[in-house]
Amino acid sequence: MRAKPGILGPLFNLVALSVLCALATAFLHPHAPGYTAGRMEEGEITLERALLIDQAILWVDARTEAEFLAGHIPGAILVNEEDWEMGLLNFFGNFDPDATVIVYCGREGCQASKAVAERLRREANLESVYHLRGGWEVWKEAQP
């Protein structure tokens, strides 16, 4: 004699599917906060801390050229991975060895600034290179 299927099996499947959907939404949603929202990454700097630096800052915009042309931090230069060689020429044309280099991209969670900062550290052998936490969005929000 076969036992009748109970409600627990389908209920378990429904709960498992719901949890899976919730996790997928949390990780894939474009406005989900970054996983490291509470922690500072190595090489990362906040806008508040950057503005306390008492030496020159070379702002580097790692976004696309179209985004750069639509608006950028005053005095920033464009260096992105899409046109790395031209950007690097632009970088060294504006580089001051005594300046702190801060790279930014569009928003928190954007990896372009981190990638450009790492390449500048590695390929140009620079030490004072940081990526801005929150990127362009944080800068815009801080402006009066």
Protein backbone atom coordinates (compact mmCIF):
# COMPACT_ATOMS: atom_id res chain seq x y z
CA MET A 1 0.00 0.00 0.00
CA ARG A 2 1.34 3.41 -0.97
CA ALA A 3 1.34 6.34 1.40
CA LYS A 4 -0.42 9.48 0.31
CA PRO A 5 1.91 12.32 -0.45
CA GLY A 6 1.94 14.85 2.37
CA ILE A 7 2.04 18.60 2.30
CA LEU A 8 5.61 18.80 3.63
CA GLY A 9 7.33 17.92 0.34
CA PRO A 10 5.64 20.60 -1.78
CA LEU A 11 5.93 23.11 1.08
CA PHE A 12 9.67 22.47 1.34
CA ASN A 13 10.03 22.91 -2.43
CA LEU A 14 8.10 26.20 -2.32
CA VAL A 15 10.24 27.56 0.52
CA ALA A 16 13.46 26.47 -1.20
CA LEU A 17 12.38 28.13 -4.45
CA SER A 18 11.47 31.33 -2.59
CA VAL A 19 14.86 31.47 -0.87
CA LEU A 20 16.64 30.85 -4.17
CA CYS A 21 14.70 33.69 -5.85
CA ALA A 22 15.42 36.05 -2.94
CA LEU A 23 19.16 35.30 -3.08
CA ALA A 24 19.25 35.77 -6.85
CA THR A 25 17.51 39.13 -6.51
CA ALA A 26 19.87 40.25 -3.73
CA PHE A 27 22.97 39.50 -5.78
CA LEU A 28 21.79 40.41 -9.28
CA HIS A 29 19.61 43.47 -8.73
CA PRO A 30 21.32 46.58 -10.20
CA HIS A 31 20.56 48.67 -7.10
CA ALA A 32 21.58 46.08 -4.55
CA PRO A 33 24.19 47.40 -2.11
CA GLY A 34 27.69 46.05 -2.54
CA TYR A 35 28.64 43.00 -0.51
CA THR A 36 31.37 45.04 1.18
CA ALA A 37 29.05 47.91 2.09
CA GLY A 38 30.36 48.02 5.66
CA ARG A 39 34.04 47.32 5.02
CA MET A 40 36.70 49.37 3.32
CA GLU A 41 38.63 47.50 0.67
CA GLU A 42 42.38 47.77 0.32
CA GLY A 43 43.19 50.86 -1.74
CA GLU A 44 39.74 52.37 -1.21
CA ILE A 45 39.19 55.89 0.13
CA THR A 46 36.08 57.78 1.17
CA LEU A 47 35.30 61.24 -0.18
CA GLU A 48 35.49 62.68 3.33
CA ARG A 49 38.99 61.33 3.81
CA ALA A 50 40.09 62.36 0.30
CA LEU A 51 39.04 65.95 0.94
CA LEU A 52 41.26 66.02 4.04
CA ILE A 53 44.39 65.27 2.02
CA ASP A 54 46.64 68.32 2.25
CA GLN A 55 48.51 67.77 -1.01
CA ALA A 56 47.51 67.87 -4.65
CA ILE A 57 45.01 65.27 -5.87
CA LEU A 58 44.94 64.00 -9.42
CA TRP A 59 41.36 62.84 -10.01
CA VAL A 60 41.09 60.05 -12.58
CA ASP A 61 37.72 59.24 -14.13
CA ALA A 62 37.47 55.55 -15.11
CA ARG A 63 34.03 55.83 -16.74
CA THR A 64 33.30 55.94 -20.46
CA GLU A 65 34.14 59.01 -22.50
CA ALA A 66 30.43 59.82 -22.90
CA GLU A 67 29.91 59.74 -19.11
CA PHE A 68 33.03 61.86 -18.59
CA LEU A 69 31.83 64.46 -21.10
CA ALA A 70 28.40 64.56 -19.43
CA GLY A 71 30.05 65.59 -16.14
CA HIS A 72 33.13 64.91 -14.04
CA ILE A 73 35.04 66.13 -11.01
CA PRO A 74 36.69 69.47 -11.87
CA GLY A 75 40.24 68.90 -13.09
CA ALA A 76 39.74 65.15 -13.53
CA ILE A 77 41.31 63.32 -16.44
CA LEU A 78 39.87 60.39 -18.33
CA VAL A 79 41.68 57.06 -18.01
CA ASN A 80 39.64 53.95 -18.68
CA GLU A 81 40.40 50.42 -19.77
CA GLU A 82 38.58 50.83 -23.10
CA ASP A 83 41.28 53.25 -24.32
CA TRP A 84 44.07 52.44 -21.87
CA GLU A 85 47.05 53.57 -23.98
CA MET A 86 45.59 57.02 -24.73
CA GLY A 87 44.46 57.36 -21.14
CA LEU A 88 47.91 56.48 -19.86
CA LEU A 89 49.47 59.15 -22.10
CA ASN A 90 46.93 61.62 -20.72
CA PHE A 91 47.71 60.46 -17.18
CA PHE A 92 51.46 60.99 -17.44
CA GLY A 93 50.90 64.33 -19.18
CA ASN A 94 49.11 65.48 -16.01
CA PHE A 95 50.98 63.45 -13.40
CA ASP A 96 52.64 65.14 -10.43
CA PRO A 97 54.80 62.73 -8.38
CA ASP A 98 53.77 64.54 -5.19
CA ALA A 99 50.05 64.20 -5.90
CA THR A 100 47.71 61.56 -4.55
CA VAL A 101 45.88 59.78 -7.36
CA ILE A 102 42.20 59.01 -6.76
CA VAL A 103 40.29 57.02 -9.37
CA TYR A 104 36.52 57.03 -9.51
CA CYS A 105 33.78 55.47 -11.59
CA GLY A 106 30.00 55.82 -11.62
CA ARG A 107 28.73 54.42 -8.35
CA GLU A 108 29.47 52.13 -5.45
CA GLY A 109 29.93 48.61 -6.69
CA CYS A 110 31.41 49.76 -9.98
CA GLN A 111 34.67 47.91 -10.51
CA ALA A 112 36.20 50.16 -13.20
CA SER A 113 37.89 52.50 -10.71
CA LYS A 114 39.37 49.61 -8.78
CA ALA A 115 40.70 48.01 -11.99
CA VAL A 116 42.25 51.27 -13.24
CA ALA A 117 43.78 52.00 -9.82
CA GLU A 118 45.30 48.50 -9.68
CA ARG A 119 46.73 48.87 -13.19
CA LEU A 120 48.25 52.25 -12.33
CA ARG A 121 49.84 50.78 -9.21
CA ARG A 122 51.14 47.75 -11.07
CA GLU A 123 52.07 49.09 -14.51
CA ALA A 124 53.22 52.60 -13.50
CA ASN A 125 54.72 51.42 -10.19
CA LEU A 126 52.80 54.05 -8.19
CA GLU A 127 51.94 53.80 -4.52
CA SER A 128 49.57 56.68 -3.71
CA VAL A 129 46.70 55.48 -5.88
CA TYR A 130 43.24 54.95 -4.40
CA HIS A 131 39.76 54.26 -5.73
CA LEU A 132 36.90 56.40 -4.47
CA ARG A 133 34.18 54.64 -2.54
CA GLY A 134 30.81 55.51 -4.08
CA GLY A 135 32.35 57.11 -7.15
CA TRP A 136 30.81 59.95 -9.13
CA GLU A 137 27.44 59.56 -7.36
CA VAL A 138 29.03 60.35 -3.98
CA TRP A 139 30.79 63.39 -5.44
CA LYS A 140 27.55 64.73 -6.98
CA GLU A 141 25.61 64.20 -3.74
CA ALA A 142 28.25 66.15 -1.78
CA GLN A 143 28.01 69.20 -4.04
CA PRO A 144 25.82 72.13 -2.91
